[in-house]
Amino acid sequence: MQSFICVTCGVGHAPSAVPPERCAICDDERQYVTAAGQRWTTLSELQQNHTIEFKEQEPGLIGIGATPSIAIGQRMLLIRQPGGGVLWDCTPLVTDEAVARIKELGGVRAIAISHPHFYSSMVDWSEALGGVPIHIHEANRPYVMRPSERVSFWNGETLDLGQGVTLVRCGGHFEGSTALHWPGADGRGVLMTGDTIMVVPDTRWVSFMYSYPNLIPLPAREVERIVGCVEGFAYDRIYSAWWDRVMTENAKARVRNSAERYVKAIAG
């Protein structure tokens, strides 16, 4: 049996003889099922027509993404560290070449996922990289479509992964939506936010949504709480989930300003 992968969200499901009837991730109001209906693919099918590219984002940080893009189109991030780094978020595509390249870059000691839309082929990535743990907040447990002993659920507001890497539960988009803080090679601080704190196209601002495709906003109290969750961390840069969604400077002040703008707008 094989894991069927939802074409729309890219999330792999528990191995089965036939595709599931529905994708619970896409049935949720934060995602969607296309007008064409539910469709499925497999890892072997994706491997036939896609490859993985690696791009250095800054010293110690590598971006890894599929080309052409798949489903939501996110790329993942590899923090390189002694003894194995941390892989942040996932893509649906796993290839032998990409796994070998990651091992050449020092390997991985842990995977951490921001929220359910980016679970992708996380179990396949874990197993290919030696069975490393996948850290997911307990509040997002119901959305794990492919249960595995590799998944490690954590509770509370922060989780220390060692060597300066900290997971921070921010909530908002999902109750267990998580950001990752890393000091960066320069010590000025980096936030990796998935789409919990979304860098917008001009990259000087961020935004916050309950559902991005369905354009459902978050209430002011949730936006203010998200900003408060990361307030205690020093950060100069933000990496959202896509290649072009990167804020390269003055990120902490810009997040505060963006939250103020957002709250004013929804207050009318």
Protein backbone atom coordinates (compact mmCIF):
# COMPACT_ATOMS: atom_id res chain seq x y z
CA MET A 1 0.00 0.00 0.00
CA GLN A 2 1.09 3.57 -0.61
CA SER A 3 0.43 6.99 0.85
CA PHE A 4 -1.92 9.02 -1.32
CA ILE A 5 -1.14 12.74 -1.47
CA CYS A 6 -3.85 15.36 -1.88
CA VAL A 7 -3.24 17.33 -5.09
CA THR A 8 -4.60 20.56 -3.60
CA CYS A 9 -2.86 20.74 -0.21
CA GLY A 10 -0.02 18.25 -0.77
CA VAL A 11 -0.60 16.38 2.50
CA GLY A 12 0.18 12.67 2.55
CA HIS A 13 -2.38 10.32 4.09
CA ALA A 14 -2.10 6.94 5.80
CA PRO A 15 -1.13 4.18 3.35
CA SER A 16 -4.14 2.52 1.75
CA ALA A 17 -5.05 0.30 -1.19
CA VAL A 18 -7.25 2.98 -2.75
CA PRO A 19 -7.36 6.77 -2.35
CA PRO A 20 -9.38 8.12 0.60
CA GLU A 21 -12.79 9.52 -0.20
CA ARG A 22 -11.96 12.97 1.20
CA CYS A 23 -9.06 15.06 2.41
CA ALA A 24 -9.95 16.35 5.87
CA ILE A 25 -7.34 19.11 5.55
CA CYS A 26 -9.04 20.51 2.45
CA ASP A 27 -12.56 19.98 3.83
CA ASP A 28 -11.65 22.37 6.66
CA GLU A 29 -12.72 25.98 6.06
CA ARG A 30 -9.10 27.17 6.13
CA GLN A 31 -8.40 25.25 2.92
CA TYR A 32 -10.64 24.24 0.01
CA VAL A 33 -11.60 21.50 -2.44
CA THR A 34 -11.38 22.75 -6.02
CA ALA A 35 -14.39 22.91 -8.31
CA ALA A 36 -12.96 19.87 -10.12
CA GLY A 37 -13.34 17.84 -6.93
CA GLN A 38 -10.95 15.84 -4.77
CA ARG A 39 -7.87 14.52 -6.59
CA TRP A 40 -4.91 12.42 -5.47
CA THR A 41 -1.35 11.71 -6.49
CA THR A 42 1.52 9.67 -5.05
CA LEU A 43 5.16 10.26 -4.25
CA SER A 44 6.26 8.04 -7.14
CA GLU A 45 4.13 10.08 -9.56
CA LEU A 46 5.57 13.36 -8.26
CA GLN A 47 9.11 12.04 -8.63
CA GLN A 48 8.55 11.49 -12.36
CA ASN A 49 7.96 15.16 -13.18
CA HIS A 50 9.53 17.23 -10.38
CA THR A 51 12.95 17.85 -8.92
CA ILE A 52 14.19 19.57 -5.77
CA GLU A 53 16.35 22.68 -5.78
CA PHE A 54 18.56 24.01 -3.00
CA LYS A 55 19.23 27.72 -2.46
CA GLU A 56 21.34 29.31 0.25
CA GLN A 57 19.19 31.90 2.03
CA GLU A 58 21.86 33.24 4.37
CA PRO A 59 24.84 31.72 6.21
CA GLY A 60 23.73 28.51 7.86
CA LEU A 61 20.29 28.45 6.23
CA ILE A 62 19.31 26.53 3.10
CA GLY A 63 15.98 26.69 1.25
CA ILE A 64 14.71 23.45 -0.30
CA GLY A 65 11.77 23.38 -2.69
CA ALA A 66 10.18 21.42 -5.52
CA THR A 67 10.23 22.59 -9.11
CA PRO A 68 7.77 22.91 -10.71
CA SER A 69 5.93 23.80 -7.52
CA ILE A 70 3.49 21.31 -6.02
CA ALA A 71 0.14 22.00 -4.33
CA ILE A 72 0.50 25.07 -2.05
CA GLY A 73 4.05 25.57 -3.32
CA GLN A 74 5.90 26.09 -0.04
CA ARG A 75 9.60 25.44 0.36
CA MET A 76 11.22 24.08 3.49
CA LEU A 77 14.22 25.43 5.36
CA LEU A 78 17.27 23.64 6.70
CA ILE A 79 19.17 25.17 9.62
CA ARG A 80 22.68 23.71 9.44
CA GLN A 81 24.16 22.86 12.83
CA PRO A 82 26.86 20.59 14.30
CA GLY A 83 25.58 17.08 14.87
CA GLY A 84 22.63 17.60 12.53
CA GLY A 85 20.39 20.53 11.79
CA VAL A 86 16.68 21.26 11.97
CA LEU A 87 14.37 20.94 8.98
CA TRP A 88 11.50 23.43 9.12
CA ASP A 89 8.22 22.58 7.37
CA CYS A 90 8.04 20.08 4.49
CA THR A 91 7.34 19.61 0.82
CA PRO A 92 5.35 16.75 -0.74
CA LEU A 93 8.32 15.68 -2.88
CA VAL A 94 11.14 13.50 -1.50
CA THR A 95 13.98 12.34 -3.74
CA ASP A 96 17.08 10.25 -3.16
CA GLU A 97 19.20 13.09 -4.55
CA ALA A 98 17.75 15.62 -2.13
CA VAL A 99 18.20 13.30 0.85
CA ALA A 100 21.82 12.70 -0.13
CA ARG A 101 22.41 16.45 -0.46
CA ILE A 102 20.92 17.13 2.99
CA LYS A 103 23.21 14.50 4.47
CA GLU A 104 26.18 16.17 2.74
CA LEU A 105 25.13 19.44 4.39
CA GLY A 106 25.42 17.85 7.83
CA GLY A 107 22.18 15.91 8.14
CA VAL A 108 19.12 16.51 10.29
CA ARG A 109 18.44 15.75 13.95
CA ALA A 110 14.83 17.01 13.98
CA ILE A 111 11.94 18.12 11.79
CA ALA A 112 9.46 20.76 12.98
CA ILE A 113 6.22 21.70 11.23
CA SER A 114 4.40 25.01 11.54
CA HIS A 115 0.85 23.79 10.89
CA PRO A 116 -1.22 21.10 9.09
CA HIS A 117 -1.08 22.59 5.58
CA PHE A 118 2.65 21.85 5.51
CA TYR A 119 2.63 18.30 6.90
CA SER A 120 3.14 17.18 3.28
CA SER A 121 5.32 14.04 3.09
CA MET A 122 6.78 14.57 6.56
CA VAL A 123 6.85 10.87 7.43
CA ASP A 124 8.67 10.01 4.20
CA TRP A 125 11.22 12.77 4.90
CA SER A 126 11.75 11.53 8.44
CA GLU A 127 12.26 7.93 7.41
CA ALA A 128 14.59 8.89 4.54
CA LEU A 129 16.69 10.96 6.96
CA GLY A 130 17.11 8.17 9.47
CA GLY A 131 13.85 8.29 11.45
CA VAL A 132 14.35 11.73 12.98
CA PRO A 133 11.53 13.04 15.22
CA ILE A 134 8.84 15.29 13.76
CA HIS A 135 7.81 17.95 16.28
CA ILE A 136 4.15 19.04 16.07
CA HIS A 137 2.12 20.91 18.66
CA GLU A 138 -0.40 18.77 20.48
CA ALA A 139 -3.25 21.11 19.52
CA ASN A 140 -2.78 20.12 15.87
CA ARG A 141 -2.87 16.36 16.52
CA PRO A 142 -6.35 15.91 14.95
CA TYR A 143 -5.00 17.06 11.58
CA VAL A 144 -2.25 14.45 11.30
CA MET A 145 -3.53 12.38 8.39
CA ARG A 146 -0.66 9.91 8.47
CA PRO A 147 -0.02 8.76 12.04
CA SER A 148 3.53 7.62 12.73
CA GLU A 149 5.77 6.83 15.67
CA ARG A 150 8.09 9.47 14.21
CA VAL A 151 5.65 12.21 15.22
CA SER A 152 6.41 13.76 18.60
CA PHE A 153 3.64 15.95 19.99
CA TRP A 154 4.64 18.75 22.33
CA ASN A 155 2.61 20.85 24.75
CA GLY A 156 2.89 24.33 26.18
CA GLU A 157 4.04 27.57 24.62
CA THR A 158 7.67 26.84 23.68
CA LEU A 159 9.90 23.88 22.94
CA ASP A 160 13.70 24.08 23.08
CA LEU A 161 15.27 21.99 20.29
CA GLY A 162 18.81 22.82 21.38
CA GLN A 163 21.60 24.92 19.85
CA GLY A 164 19.45 28.04 20.09
CA VAL A 165 16.44 26.73 18.14
CA THR A 166 13.07 27.31 19.84
CA LEU A 167 9.55 26.46 18.71
CA VAL A 168 6.90 28.99 19.73
CA ARG A 169 3.18 28.25 19.69
CA CYS A 170 1.51 31.31 18.20
CA GLY A 171 -1.97 30.03 17.38
CA GLY A 172 -4.17 32.12 15.13
CA HIS A 173 -4.24 30.29 11.82
CA PHE A 174 -4.53 27.01 13.76
CA GLU A 175 -4.63 26.61 17.52
CA GLY A 176 -1.25 24.92 17.39
CA SER A 177 0.30 27.10 14.68
CA THR A 178 3.99 27.42 15.45
CA ALA A 179 6.90 29.68 14.59
CA LEU A 180 10.58 28.81 14.91
CA HIS A 181 13.19 31.18 16.36
CA TRP A 182 16.85 30.82 15.46
CA PRO A 183 19.59 33.30 16.46
CA GLY A 184 21.15 33.17 12.98
CA ALA A 185 24.84 33.20 12.21
CA ASP A 186 24.99 36.93 13.00
CA GLY A 187 23.07 36.63 16.29
CA ARG A 188 20.45 39.18 15.24
CA GLY A 189 17.68 36.62 15.12
CA VAL A 190 15.44 34.91 12.57
CA LEU A 191 11.78 33.93 12.72
CA MET A 192 10.44 31.18 10.48
CA THR A 193 6.70 31.54 10.47
CA GLY A 194 5.08 29.34 7.82
CA ASP A 195 2.02 31.49 7.21
CA THR A 196 1.26 32.22 10.87
CA ILE A 197 2.90 35.60 10.32
CA MET A 198 2.77 36.08 6.55
CA VAL A 199 5.29 38.30 4.78
CA VAL A 200 3.29 40.05 2.04
CA PRO A 201 4.54 40.68 -1.52
CA ASP A 202 6.30 44.01 -0.89
CA THR A 203 8.12 42.31 2.05
CA ARG A 204 7.99 45.39 4.31
CA TRP A 205 4.78 44.25 5.98
CA VAL A 206 3.20 41.08 7.31
CA SER A 207 -0.39 39.94 7.71
CA PHE A 208 -2.43 37.43 9.69
CA MET A 209 -5.36 35.31 8.54
CA TYR A 210 -7.56 32.49 9.75
CA SER A 211 -7.93 31.36 6.13
CA TYR A 212 -5.80 32.73 3.32
CA PRO A 213 -7.55 31.10 0.33
CA ASN A 214 -11.01 31.87 1.72
CA LEU A 215 -10.02 35.37 2.92
CA ILE A 216 -11.26 34.92 6.50
CA PRO A 217 -9.48 37.35 8.84
CA LEU A 218 -8.45 36.85 12.44
CA PRO A 219 -9.95 39.00 15.20
CA ALA A 220 -7.84 41.75 16.73
CA ARG A 221 -7.26 39.83 19.97
CA GLU A 222 -5.68 36.93 18.08
CA VAL A 223 -3.40 39.20 16.05
CA GLU A 224 -2.25 40.97 19.21
CA ARG A 225 -1.69 37.64 20.94
CA ILE A 226 0.43 36.30 18.04
CA VAL A 227 2.65 39.37 18.17
CA GLY A 228 2.91 38.99 21.93
CA CYS A 229 4.05 35.38 21.58
CA VAL A 230 7.19 36.40 19.67
CA GLU A 231 7.78 39.73 21.44
CA GLY A 232 10.26 38.22 23.87
CA PHE A 233 12.56 37.01 21.07
CA ALA A 234 15.13 39.09 19.23
CA TYR A 235 14.65 38.86 15.46
CA ASP A 236 15.70 40.94 12.50
CA ARG A 237 14.44 38.73 9.65
CA ILE A 238 11.35 36.65 8.85
CA TYR A 239 11.04 33.72 6.49
CA SER A 240 7.49 32.86 5.51
CA ALA A 241 6.83 29.67 3.57
CA TRP A 242 7.67 30.76 0.01
CA TRP A 243 10.87 31.77 -1.77
CA ASP A 244 9.81 35.40 -2.28
CA ARG A 245 8.19 35.95 1.14
CA VAL A 246 11.24 37.03 3.14
CA MET A 247 11.62 40.16 5.28
CA THR A 248 15.33 40.92 5.33
CA GLU A 249 15.61 43.63 8.00
CA ASN A 250 13.93 45.45 10.89
CA ALA A 251 11.39 42.64 11.18
CA LYS A 252 10.38 43.05 14.81
CA ALA A 253 9.33 46.69 14.42
CA ARG A 254 7.59 45.91 11.15
CA VAL A 255 5.56 43.12 12.75
CA ARG A 256 4.35 45.54 15.43
CA ASN A 257 3.48 48.16 12.80
CA SER A 258 1.73 45.59 10.64
CA ALA A 259 -0.39 44.41 13.57
CA GLU A 260 -1.42 47.98 14.34
CA ARG A 261 -2.40 48.54 10.71
CA TYR A 262 -4.33 45.28 10.62
CA VAL A 263 -6.28 45.99 13.83
CA LYS A 264 -7.20 49.49 12.64
CA ALA A 265 -8.43 48.12 9.33
CA ILE A 266 -10.73 45.46 10.77
CA ALA A 267 -12.01 47.90 13.39
CA GLY A 268 -13.26 50.14 10.60
